[in-house]
PDB file of N, CA and C in Angstrom:
ATOM      1  N   MET A   1       0.836  -1.178   0.000  1.00  0.00           N
ATOM      2  CA  MET A   1       0.000   0.000   0.000  1.00  0.00           C
ATOM      3  C   MET A   1       0.887   1.248   0.000  1.00  0.00           C
ATOM      4  N   ALA A   2       0.469   2.256  -0.734  1.00  0.00           N
ATOM      5  CA  ALA A   2       1.233   3.497  -0.819  1.00  0.00           C
ATOM      6  C   ALA A   2       1.244   4.202   0.534  1.00  0.00           C
ATOM      7  N   LYS A   3       2.324   4.891   0.812  1.00  0.00           N
ATOM      8  CA  LYS A   3       2.487   5.607   2.077  1.00  0.00           C
ATOM      9  C   LYS A   3       1.854   6.990   1.973  1.00  0.00           C
ATOM     10  N   GLN A   4       0.957   7.314   2.912  1.00  0.00           N
ATOM     11  CA  GLN A   4       0.350   8.638   2.966  1.00  0.00           C
ATOM     12  C   GLN A   4       1.343   9.598   3.610  1.00  0.00           C
ATOM     13  N   ILE A   5       1.650  10.704   2.928  1.00  0.00           N
ATOM     14  CA  ILE A   5       2.553  11.697   3.493  1.00  0.00           C
ATOM     15  C   ILE A   5       1.849  13.051   3.519  1.00  0.00           C
ATOM     16  N   ASN A   6       2.508  14.027   4.158  1.00  0.00           N
ATOM     17  CA  ASN A   6       1.965  15.377   4.199  1.00  0.00           C
ATOM     18  C   ASN A   6       3.091  16.382   3.977  1.00  0.00           C
ATOM     19  N   ALA A   7       2.740  17.644   3.951  1.00  0.00           N
ATOM     20  CA  ALA A   7       3.721  18.698   3.658  1.00  0.00           C
ATOM     21  C   ALA A   7       4.856  18.718   4.672  1.00  0.00           C
ATOM     22  N   GLU A   8       4.553  18.364   5.923  1.00  0.00           N
ATOM     23  CA  GLU A   8       5.579  18.402   6.969  1.00  0.00           C
ATOM     24  C   GLU A   8       6.698  17.382   6.741  1.00  0.00           C
ATOM     25  N   ASP A   9       6.357  16.218   6.217  1.00  0.00           N
ATOM     26  CA  ASP A   9       7.405  15.204   5.998  1.00  0.00           C
ATOM     27  C   ASP A   9       7.818  15.069   4.534  1.00  0.00           C
ATOM     28  N   PHE A  10       7.257  15.884   3.664  1.00  0.00           N
ATOM     29  CA  PHE A  10       7.543  15.804   2.232  1.00  0.00           C
ATOM     30  C   PHE A  10       9.038  15.925   1.934  1.00  0.00           C
ATOM     31  N   ASP A  11       9.661  17.013   2.379  1.00  0.00           N
ATOM     32  CA  ASP A  11      11.069  17.248   2.046  1.00  0.00           C
ATOM     33  C   ASP A  11      11.970  16.143   2.578  1.00  0.00           C
ATOM     34  N   THR A  12      11.704  15.684   3.782  1.00  0.00           N
ATOM     35  CA  THR A  12      12.513  14.618   4.376  1.00  0.00           C
ATOM     36  C   THR A  12      12.412  13.338   3.562  1.00  0.00           C
ATOM     37  N   ILE A  13      11.205  13.002   3.157  1.00  0.00           N
ATOM     38  CA  ILE A  13      11.004  11.759   2.389  1.00  0.00           C
ATOM     39  C   ILE A  13      11.628  11.870   1.005  1.00  0.00           C
ATOM     40  N   ILE A  14      11.401  12.983   0.328  1.00  0.00           N
ATOM     41  CA  ILE A  14      11.906  13.133  -1.042  1.00  0.00           C
ATOM     42  C   ILE A  14      13.427  13.234  -1.072  1.00  0.00           C
ATOM     43  N   THR A  15      14.002  14.069  -0.225  1.00  0.00           N
ATOM     44  CA  THR A  15      15.457  14.260  -0.271  1.00  0.00           C
ATOM     45  C   THR A  15      16.210  13.176   0.488  1.00  0.00           C
ATOM     46  N   GLY A  16      15.549  12.521   1.433  1.00  0.00           N
ATOM     47  CA  GLY A  16      16.236  11.524   2.243  1.00  0.00           C
ATOM     48  C   GLY A  16      16.157  10.112   1.706  1.00  0.00           C
ATOM     49  N   SER A  17      15.493   9.921   0.599  1.00  0.00           N
ATOM     50  CA  SER A  17      15.311   8.575   0.076  1.00  0.00           C
ATOM     51  C   SER A  17      16.514   8.124  -0.755  1.00  0.00           C
ATOM     52  N   ASP A  18      16.959   6.906  -0.481  1.00  0.00           N
ATOM     53  CA  ASP A  18      18.046   6.307  -1.255  1.00  0.00           C
ATOM     54  C   ASP A  18      17.531   5.665  -2.542  1.00  0.00           C
ATOM     55  N   VAL A  19      16.230   5.563  -2.663  1.00  0.00           N
ATOM     56  CA  VAL A  19      15.600   4.962  -3.842  1.00  0.00           C
ATOM     57  C   VAL A  19      14.694   6.003  -4.491  1.00  0.00           C
ATOM     58  N   PRO A  20      14.319   5.799  -5.753  1.00  0.00           N
ATOM     59  CA  PRO A  20      13.390   6.730  -6.400  1.00  0.00           C
ATOM     60  C   PRO A  20      12.067   6.814  -5.636  1.00  0.00           C
ATOM     61  N   VAL A  21      11.401   7.956  -5.762  1.00  0.00           N
ATOM     62  CA  VAL A  21      10.112   8.176  -5.108  1.00  0.00           C
ATOM     63  C   VAL A  21       9.079   8.551  -6.165  1.00  0.00           C
ATOM     64  N   MET A  22       7.952   7.864  -6.123  1.00  0.00           N
ATOM     65  CA  MET A  22       6.809   8.248  -6.952  1.00  0.00           C
ATOM     66  C   MET A  22       5.764   8.827  -6.014  1.00  0.00           C
ATOM     67  N   LEU A  23       5.312  10.043  -6.308  1.00  0.00           N
ATOM     68  CA  LEU A  23       4.336  10.722  -5.467  1.00  0.00           C
ATOM     69  C   LEU A  23       3.049  10.942  -6.240  1.00  0.00           C
ATOM     70  N   ASP A  24       1.954  10.442  -5.691  1.00  0.00           N
ATOM     71  CA  ASP A  24       0.615  10.614  -6.266  1.00  0.00           C
ATOM     72  C   ASP A  24      -0.045  11.795  -5.567  1.00  0.00           C
ATOM     73  N   LEU A  25      -0.284  12.881  -6.301  1.00  0.00           N
ATOM     74  CA  LEU A  25      -1.019  14.019  -5.769  1.00  0.00           C
ATOM     75  C   LEU A  25      -2.478  13.817  -6.138  1.00  0.00           C
ATOM     76  N   TRP A  26      -3.348  13.788  -5.133  1.00  0.00           N
ATOM     77  CA  TRP A  26      -4.741  13.411  -5.331  1.00  0.00           C
ATOM     78  C   TRP A  26      -5.630  14.181  -4.366  1.00  0.00           C
ATOM     79  N   ALA A  27      -6.947  14.003  -4.509  1.00  0.00           N
ATOM     80  CA  ALA A  27      -7.935  14.555  -3.584  1.00  0.00           C
ATOM     81  C   ALA A  27      -9.122  13.593  -3.528  1.00  0.00           C
ATOM     82  N   PRO A  28      -9.811  13.529  -2.392  1.00  0.00           N
ATOM     83  CA  PRO A  28     -10.901  12.573  -2.237  1.00  0.00           C
ATOM     84  C   PRO A  28     -12.095  12.808  -3.168  1.00  0.00           C
ATOM     85  N   TRP A  29     -12.289  14.021  -3.644  1.00  0.00           N
ATOM     86  CA  TRP A  29     -13.424  14.338  -4.520  1.00  0.00           C
ATOM     87  C   TRP A  29     -13.134  14.030  -5.994  1.00  0.00           C
ATOM     88  N   CYS A  30     -11.917  13.640  -6.311  1.00  0.00           N
ATOM     89  CA  CYS A  30     -11.469  13.437  -7.688  1.00  0.00           C
ATOM     90  C   CYS A  30     -11.742  11.996  -8.136  1.00  0.00           C
ATOM     91  N   GLY A  31     -12.683  11.834  -9.082  1.00  0.00           N
ATOM     92  CA  GLY A  31     -13.029  10.511  -9.593  1.00  0.00           C
ATOM     93  C   GLY A  31     -11.850   9.757 -10.205  1.00  0.00           C
ATOM     94  N   PRO A  32     -11.084  10.389 -11.117  1.00  0.00           N
ATOM     95  CA  PRO A  32      -9.922   9.694 -11.681  1.00  0.00           C
ATOM     96  C   PRO A  32      -8.886   9.321 -10.615  1.00  0.00           C
ATOM     97  N   CYS A  33      -8.768  10.131  -9.569  1.00  0.00           N
ATOM     98  CA  CYS A  33      -7.841   9.812  -8.476  1.00  0.00           C
ATOM     99  C   CYS A  33      -8.278   8.531  -7.766  1.00  0.00           C
ATOM    100  N   LYS A  34      -9.580   8.422  -7.520  1.00  0.00           N
ATOM    101  CA  LYS A  34     -10.118   7.217  -6.881  1.00  0.00           C
ATOM    102  C   LYS A  34      -9.895   5.995  -7.760  1.00  0.00           C
ATOM    103  N   ALA A  35     -10.089   6.166  -9.056  1.00  0.00           N
ATOM    104  CA  ALA A  35      -9.894   5.054  -9.996  1.00  0.00           C
ATOM    105  C   ALA A  35      -8.434   4.613 -10.034  1.00  0.00           C
ATOM    106  N   LEU A  36      -7.513   5.556  -9.869  1.00  0.00           N
ATOM    107  CA  LEU A  36      -6.084   5.257  -9.931  1.00  0.00           C
ATOM    108  C   LEU A  36      -5.562   4.640  -8.632  1.00  0.00           C
ATOM    109  N   GLY A  37      -6.277   4.851  -7.529  1.00  0.00           N
ATOM    110  CA  GLY A  37      -5.827   4.392  -6.212  1.00  0.00           C
ATOM    111  C   GLY A  37      -5.386   2.939  -6.141  1.00  0.00           C
ATOM    112  N   PRO A  38      -6.190   1.983  -6.609  1.00  0.00           N
ATOM    113  CA  PRO A  38      -5.766   0.577  -6.544  1.00  0.00           C
ATOM    114  C   PRO A  38      -4.508   0.297  -7.369  1.00  0.00           C
ATOM    115  N   THR A  39      -4.349   0.993  -8.476  1.00  0.00           N
ATOM    116  CA  THR A  39      -3.138   0.830  -9.293  1.00  0.00           C
ATOM    117  C   THR A  39      -1.920   1.321  -8.530  1.00  0.00           C
ATOM    118  N   ILE A  40      -2.048   2.465  -7.867  1.00  0.00           N
ATOM    119  CA  ILE A  40      -0.938   3.019  -7.082  1.00  0.00           C
ATOM    120  C   ILE A  40      -0.548   2.048  -5.973  1.00  0.00           C
ATOM    121  N   ASP A  41      -1.547   1.485  -5.282  1.00  0.00           N
ATOM    122  CA  ASP A  41      -1.260   0.525  -4.211  1.00  0.00           C
ATOM    123  C   ASP A  41      -0.588  -0.735  -4.751  1.00  0.00           C
ATOM    124  N   ALA A  42      -0.996  -1.207  -5.922  1.00  0.00           N
ATOM    125  CA  ALA A  42      -0.377  -2.386  -6.533  1.00  0.00           C
ATOM    126  C   ALA A  42       1.078  -2.094  -6.900  1.00  0.00           C
ATOM    127  N   ILE A  43       1.331  -0.898  -7.412  1.00  0.00           N
ATOM    128  CA  ILE A  43       2.706  -0.505  -7.755  1.00  0.00           C
ATOM    129  C   ILE A  43       3.554  -0.425  -6.492  1.00  0.00           C
ATOM    130  N   ALA A  44       2.983   0.089  -5.414  1.00  0.00           N
ATOM    131  CA  ALA A  44       3.713   0.176  -4.141  1.00  0.00           C
ATOM    132  C   ALA A  44       4.160  -1.206  -3.678  1.00  0.00           C
ATOM    133  N   GLU A  45       3.284  -2.184  -3.791  1.00  0.00           N
ATOM    134  CA  GLU A  45       3.646  -3.553  -3.408  1.00  0.00           C
ATOM    135  C   GLU A  45       4.705  -4.130  -4.334  1.00  0.00           C
ATOM    136  N   GLU A  46       4.531  -3.908  -5.624  1.00  0.00           N
ATOM    137  CA  GLU A  46       5.456  -4.456  -6.619  1.00  0.00           C
ATOM    138  C   GLU A  46       6.867  -3.882  -6.481  1.00  0.00           C
ATOM    139  N   TYR A  47       6.961  -2.606  -6.127  1.00  0.00           N
ATOM    140  CA  TYR A  47       8.259  -1.929  -6.062  1.00  0.00           C
ATOM    141  C   TYR A  47       8.797  -1.775  -4.640  1.00  0.00           C
ATOM    142  N   GLU A  48       8.181  -2.470  -3.685  1.00  0.00           N
ATOM    143  CA  GLU A  48       8.626  -2.385  -2.296  1.00  0.00           C
ATOM    144  C   GLU A  48      10.110  -2.731  -2.200  1.00  0.00           C
ATOM    145  N   GLY A  49      10.870  -1.860  -1.555  1.00  0.00           N
ATOM    146  CA  GLY A  49      12.306  -2.052  -1.416  1.00  0.00           C
ATOM    147  C   GLY A  49      13.113  -1.480  -2.567  1.00  0.00           C
ATOM    148  N   LYS A  50      12.475  -1.273  -3.723  1.00  0.00           N
ATOM    149  CA  LYS A  50      13.168  -0.718  -4.890  1.00  0.00           C
ATOM    150  C   LYS A  50      12.849   0.758  -5.097  1.00  0.00           C
ATOM    151  N   ALA A  51      11.662   1.180  -4.645  1.00  0.00           N
ATOM    152  CA  ALA A  51      11.213   2.565  -4.789  1.00  0.00           C
ATOM    153  C   ALA A  51      10.191   2.850  -3.691  1.00  0.00           C
ATOM    154  N   GLN A  52      10.042   4.117  -3.367  1.00  0.00           N
ATOM    155  CA  GLN A  52       8.981   4.529  -2.445  1.00  0.00           C
ATOM    156  C   GLN A  52       7.802   5.030  -3.260  1.00  0.00           C
ATOM    157  N   VAL A  53       6.616   4.595  -2.895  1.00  0.00           N
ATOM    158  CA  VAL A  53       5.398   5.055  -3.542  1.00  0.00           C
ATOM    159  C   VAL A  53       4.568   5.745  -2.470  1.00  0.00           C
ATOM    160  N   CYS A  54       4.334   7.044  -2.680  1.00  0.00           N
ATOM    161  CA  CYS A  54       3.660   7.860  -1.679  1.00  0.00           C
ATOM    162  C   CYS A  54       2.450   8.563  -2.276  1.00  0.00           C
ATOM    163  N   LYS A  55       1.522   8.948  -1.392  1.00  0.00           N
ATOM    164  CA  LYS A  55       0.324   9.682  -1.788  1.00  0.00           C
ATOM    165  C   LYS A  55       0.242  10.950  -0.943  1.00  0.00           C
ATOM    166  N   LEU A  56      -0.166  12.054  -1.593  1.00  0.00           N
ATOM    167  CA  LEU A  56      -0.315  13.332  -0.915  1.00  0.00           C
ATOM    168  C   LEU A  56      -1.681  13.912  -1.262  1.00  0.00           C
ATOM    169  N   ASN A  57      -2.566  14.007  -0.270  1.00  0.00           N
ATOM    170  CA  ASN A  57      -3.897  14.585  -0.459  1.00  0.00           C
ATOM    171  C   ASN A  57      -3.732  16.101  -0.489  1.00  0.00           C
ATOM    172  N   ILE A  58      -3.904  16.708  -1.650  1.00  0.00           N
ATOM    173  CA  ILE A  58      -3.632  18.142  -1.801  1.00  0.00           C
ATOM    174  C   ILE A  58      -4.635  19.020  -1.065  1.00  0.00           C
ATOM    175  N   ASP A  59      -5.733  18.451  -0.573  1.00  0.00           N
ATOM    176  CA  ASP A  59      -6.747  19.224   0.150  1.00  0.00           C
ATOM    177  C   ASP A  59      -6.490  19.313   1.650  1.00  0.00           C
ATOM    178  N   GLU A  60      -5.518  18.570   2.168  1.00  0.00           N
ATOM    179  CA  GLU A  60      -5.266  18.558   3.605  1.00  0.00           C
ATOM    180  C   GLU A  60      -4.169  19.537   3.988  1.00  0.00           C
ATOM    181  N   GLY A  61      -4.440  20.346   5.005  1.00  0.00           N
ATOM    182  CA  GLY A  61      -3.440  21.234   5.589  1.00  0.00           C
ATOM    183  C   GLY A  61      -2.667  22.029   4.559  1.00  0.00           C
ATOM    184  N   ALA A  62      -1.353  22.003   4.697  1.00  0.00           N
ATOM    185  CA  ALA A  62      -0.464  22.756   3.806  1.00  0.00           C
ATOM    186  C   ALA A  62      -0.057  21.958   2.568  1.00  0.00           C
ATOM    187  N   ASN A  63      -0.687  20.819   2.337  1.00  0.00           N
ATOM    188  CA  ASN A  63      -0.303  19.964   1.209  1.00  0.00           C
ATOM    189  C   ASN A  63      -0.483  20.647  -0.143  1.00  0.00           C
ATOM    190  N   GLY A  64      -1.437  21.552  -0.247  1.00  0.00           N
ATOM    191  CA  GLY A  64      -1.660  22.271  -1.495  1.00  0.00           C
ATOM    192  C   GLY A  64      -0.438  23.075  -1.921  1.00  0.00           C
ATOM    193  N   GLU A  65       0.383  23.478  -0.947  1.00  0.00           N
ATOM    194  CA  GLU A  65       1.606  24.216  -1.260  1.00  0.00           C
ATOM    195  C   GLU A  65       2.594  23.358  -2.050  1.00  0.00           C
ATOM    196  N   ILE A  66       2.591  22.066  -1.791  1.00  0.00           N
ATOM    197  CA  ILE A  66       3.468  21.149  -2.542  1.00  0.00           C
ATOM    198  C   ILE A  66       3.011  21.122  -4.002  1.00  0.00           C
ATOM    199  N   ALA A  67       1.709  21.034  -4.210  1.00  0.00           N
ATOM    200  CA  ALA A  67       1.175  21.037  -5.579  1.00  0.00           C
ATOM    201  C   ALA A  67       1.545  22.336  -6.283  1.00  0.00           C
ATOM    202  N   MET A  68       1.433  23.448  -5.598  1.00  0.00           N
ATOM    203  CA  MET A  68       1.790  24.740  -6.203  1.00  0.00           C
ATOM    204  C   MET A  68       3.281  24.809  -6.506  1.00  0.00           C
ATOM    205  N   ARG A  69       4.102  24.271  -5.621  1.00  0.00           N
ATOM    206  CA  ARG A  69       5.559  24.290  -5.808  1.00  0.00           C
ATOM    207  C   ARG A  69       5.960  23.610  -7.113  1.00  0.00           C
ATOM    208  N   TYR A  70       5.240  22.559  -7.481  1.00  0.00           N
ATOM    209  CA  TYR A  70       5.576  21.786  -8.675  1.00  0.00           C
ATOM    210  C   TYR A  70       4.654  22.083  -9.858  1.00  0.00           C
ATOM    211  N   GLY A  71       3.880  23.150  -9.767  1.00  0.00           N
ATOM    212  CA  GLY A  71       3.046  23.577 -10.893  1.00  0.00           C
ATOM    213  C   GLY A  71       1.960  22.588 -11.272  1.00  0.00           C
ATOM    214  N   VAL A  72       1.410  21.900 -10.294  1.00  0.00           N
ATOM    215  CA  VAL A  72       0.357  20.926 -10.561  1.00  0.00           C
ATOM    216  C   VAL A  72      -0.948  21.673 -10.780  1.00  0.00           C
ATOM    217  N   ALA A  73      -1.504  21.541 -11.979  1.00  0.00           N
ATOM    218  CA  ALA A  73      -2.734  22.241 -12.344  1.00  0.00           C
ATOM    219  C   ALA A  73      -3.950  21.320 -12.337  1.00  0.00           C
ATOM    220  N   SER A  74      -3.725  20.014 -12.448  1.00  0.00           N
ATOM    221  CA  SER A  74      -4.838  19.072 -12.408  1.00  0.00           C
ATOM    222  C   SER A  74      -4.368  17.777 -11.759  1.00  0.00           C
ATOM    223  N   ILE A  75      -5.337  17.036 -11.254  1.00  0.00           N
ATOM    224  CA  ILE A  75      -5.017  15.778 -10.586  1.00  0.00           C
ATOM    225  C   ILE A  75      -5.867  14.667 -11.200  1.00  0.00           C
ATOM    226  N   PRO A  76      -5.402  13.438 -11.126  1.00  0.00           N
ATOM    227  CA  PRO A  76      -4.184  13.018 -10.462  1.00  0.00           C
ATOM    228  C   PRO A  76      -2.930  13.413 -11.239  1.00  0.00           C
ATOM    229  N   THR A  77      -1.898  13.735 -10.483  1.00  0.00           N
ATOM    230  CA  THR A  77      -0.575  13.969 -11.051  1.00  0.00           C
ATOM    231  C   THR A  77       0.406  13.089 -10.297  1.00  0.00           C
ATOM    232  N   LEU A  78       1.233  12.384 -11.030  1.00  0.00           N
ATOM    233  CA  LEU A  78       2.288  11.568 -10.441  1.00  0.00           C
ATOM    234  C   LEU A  78       3.616  12.254 -10.696  1.00  0.00           C
ATOM    235  N   LEU A  79       4.360  12.491  -9.620  1.00  0.00           N
ATOM    236  CA  LEU A  79       5.687  13.090  -9.722  1.00  0.00           C
ATOM    237  C   LEU A  79       6.711  12.018  -9.409  1.00  0.00           C
ATOM    238  N   PHE A  80       7.780  11.984 -10.198  1.00  0.00           N
ATOM    239  CA  PHE A  80       8.836  10.987 -10.032  1.00  0.00           C
ATOM    240  C   PHE A  80      10.126  11.689  -9.636  1.00  0.00           C
ATOM    241  N   PHE A  81      10.678  11.320  -8.486  1.00  0.00           N
ATOM    242  CA  PHE A  81      11.888  11.936  -7.954  1.00  0.00           C
ATOM    243  C   PHE A  81      13.008  10.916  -7.855  1.00  0.00           C
ATOM    244  N   LYS A  82      14.220  11.398  -8.062  1.00  0.00           N
ATOM    245  CA  LYS A  82      15.416  10.592  -7.825  1.00  0.00           C
ATOM    246  C   LYS A  82      16.480  11.531  -7.279  1.00  0.00           C
ATOM    247  N   GLY A  83      17.106  11.137  -6.179  1.00  0.00           N
ATOM    248  CA  GLY A  83      18.114  11.987  -5.570  1.00  0.00           C
ATOM    249  C   GLY A  83      17.553  13.329  -5.125  1.00  0.00           C
ATOM    250  N   GLY A  84      16.283  13.358  -4.784  1.00  0.00           N
ATOM    251  CA  GLY A  84      15.646  14.581  -4.327  1.00  0.00           C
ATOM    252  C   GLY A  84      15.209  15.524  -5.426  1.00  0.00           C
ATOM    253  N   GLU A  85      15.466  15.167  -6.680  1.00  0.00           N
ATOM    254  CA  GLU A  85      15.118  16.039  -7.808  1.00  0.00           C
ATOM    255  C   GLU A  85      13.961  15.454  -8.610  1.00  0.00           C
ATOM    256  N   LEU A  86      13.081  16.347  -9.065  1.00  0.00           N
ATOM    257  CA  LEU A  86      11.984  15.937  -9.930  1.00  0.00           C
ATOM    258  C   LEU A  86      12.550  15.519 -11.279  1.00  0.00           C
ATOM    259  N   LYS A  87      12.241  14.292 -11.694  1.00  0.00           N
ATOM    260  CA  LYS A  87      12.757  13.767 -12.956  1.00  0.00           C
ATOM    261  C   LYS A  87      11.688  13.617 -14.031  1.00  0.00           C
ATOM    262  N   ASP A  88      10.421  13.397 -13.616  1.00  0.00           N
ATOM    263  CA  ASP A  88       9.374  13.163 -14.600  1.00  0.00           C
ATOM    264  C   ASP A  88       8.020  13.357 -13.933  1.00  0.00           C
ATOM    265  N   ARG A  89       6.970  13.381 -14.756  1.00  0.00           N
ATOM    266  CA  ARG A  89       5.601  13.486 -14.245  1.00  0.00           C
ATOM    267  C   ARG A  89       4.631  12.878 -15.231  1.00  0.00           C
ATOM    268  N   ILE A  90       3.491  12.449 -14.707  1.00  0.00           N
ATOM    269  CA  ILE A  90       2.373  11.964 -15.500  1.00  0.00           C
ATOM    270  C   ILE A  90       1.134  12.670 -14.956  1.00  0.00           C
ATOM    271  N   VAL A  91       0.331  13.221 -15.846  1.00  0.00           N
ATOM    272  CA  VAL A  91      -0.902  13.899 -15.444  1.00  0.00           C
ATOM    273  C   VAL A  91      -2.089  13.116 -15.984  1.00  0.00           C
ATOM    274  N   GLY A  92      -3.041  12.835 -15.116  1.00  0.00           N
ATOM    275  CA  GLY A  92      -4.254  12.144 -15.534  1.00  0.00           C
ATOM    276  C   GLY A  92      -4.210  10.659 -15.235  1.00  0.00           C
ATOM    277  N   LEU A  93      -5.251   9.995 -15.656  1.00  0.00           N
ATOM    278  CA  LEU A  93      -5.417   8.563 -15.436  1.00  0.00           C
ATOM    279  C   LEU A  93      -4.708   7.788 -16.549  1.00  0.00           C
ATOM    280  N   HIS A  94      -3.730   6.982 -16.162  1.00  0.00           N
ATOM    281  CA  HIS A  94      -2.949   6.201 -17.121  1.00  0.00           C
ATOM    282  C   HIS A  94      -2.898   4.743 -16.678  1.00  0.00           C
ATOM    283  N   PRO A  95      -2.660   3.820 -17.607  1.00  0.00           N
ATOM    284  CA  PRO A  95      -2.559   2.408 -17.236  1.00  0.00           C
ATOM    285  C   PRO A  95      -1.287   2.127 -16.430  1.00  0.00           C
ATOM    286  N   LYS A  96      -1.342   1.057 -15.700  1.00  0.00           N
ATOM    287  CA  LYS A  96      -0.229   0.663 -14.826  1.00  0.00           C
ATOM    288  C   LYS A  96       1.086   0.580 -15.589  1.00  0.00           C
ATOM    289  N   ASP A  97       1.077   0.003 -16.785  1.00  0.00           N
ATOM    290  CA  ASP A  97       2.310  -0.162 -17.554  1.00  0.00           C
ATOM    291  C   ASP A  97       2.989   1.176 -17.856  1.00  0.00           C
ATOM    292  N   ALA A  98       2.210   2.195 -18.160  1.00  0.00           N
ATOM    293  CA  ALA A  98       2.776   3.511 -18.460  1.00  0.00           C
ATOM    294  C   ALA A  98       3.426   4.104 -17.215  1.00  0.00           C
ATOM    295  N   ILE A  99       2.847   3.856 -16.073  1.00  0.00           N
ATOM    296  CA  ILE A  99       3.378   4.377 -14.812  1.00  0.00           C
ATOM    297  C   ILE A  99       4.639   3.630 -14.422  1.00  0.00           C
ATOM    298  N   THR A 100       4.582   2.306 -14.469  1.00  0.00           N
ATOM    299  CA  THR A 100       5.748   1.519 -14.049  1.00  0.00           C
ATOM    300  C   THR A 100       6.936   1.716 -14.994  1.00  0.00           C
ATOM    301  N   GLU A 101       6.664   2.035 -16.232  1.00  0.00           N
ATOM    302  CA  GLU A 101       7.755   2.314 -17.175  1.00  0.00           C
ATOM    303  C   GLU A 101       8.551   3.537 -16.702  1.00  0.00           C
ATOM    304  N   LYS A 102       7.849   4.585 -16.298  1.00  0.00           N
ATOM    305  CA  LYS A 102       8.514   5.804 -15.798  1.00  0.00           C
ATOM    306  C   LYS A 102       9.299   5.499 -14.530  1.00  0.00           C
ATOM    307  N   LEU A 103       8.699   4.728 -13.636  1.00  0.00           N
ATOM    308  CA  LEU A 103       9.367   4.393 -12.373  1.00  0.00           C
ATOM    309  C   LEU A 103      10.579   3.502 -12.617  1.00  0.00           C
ATOM    310  N   SER A 104      10.442   2.536 -13.481  1.00  0.00           N
ATOM    311  CA  SER A 104      11.555   1.634 -13.786  1.00  0.00           C
ATOM    312  C   SER A 104      12.729   2.367 -14.429  1.00  0.00           C
ATOM    313  N   ASP A 105      12.443   3.413 -15.182  1.00  0.00           N
ATOM    314  CA  ASP A 105      13.522   4.207 -15.803  1.00  0.00           C
ATOM    315  C   ASP A 105      14.415   4.859 -14.759  1.00  0.00           C
ATOM    316  N   LEU A 106      13.920   5.036 -13.537  1.00  0.00           N
ATOM    317  CA  LEU A 106      14.693   5.685 -12.492  1.00  0.00           C
ATOM    318  C   LEU A 106      15.496   4.696 -11.637  1.00  0.00           C
ATOM    319  N   LEU A 107      15.258   3.414 -11.826  1.00  0.00           N
ATOM    320  CA  LEU A 107      15.961   2.409 -11.018  1.00  0.00           C
ATOM    321  C   LEU A 107      17.376   2.182 -11.492  1.00  0.00           C
TER     322      LEU A 107
END
C-alpha cells in the first residue's frame, strides 16, 4: 500500500530517500484519483524495497503548497523523484504499464 505523506514530511522523504520516489497528488473528490488508487497501491507492493510510492492529499493542511511548488494544475498527477530532484511526471489517469515504465527508468 502506498504511504500517505503530508507537507511536513515531504522534504525529508523526497530528499532523504536512497531509492526513487513516486508521489501521487490526489484529492478525495477526484473521480480519476479514486480510480487510480488501486493501481498506485499495486505498484507500491510491486516496487517495495526498490522505490517509495507515496500519496499526498492536496486538500489537507499545507499539502496544497506542494502542488503549487511543482506547478500541478490538475489531478491526479504523479511526480517521479530521484536523488531529491523531480525527474518526470504523468498527469491524468494512465494504465499501470505507463506508470511503471517511468518508475523503472529511475531504477
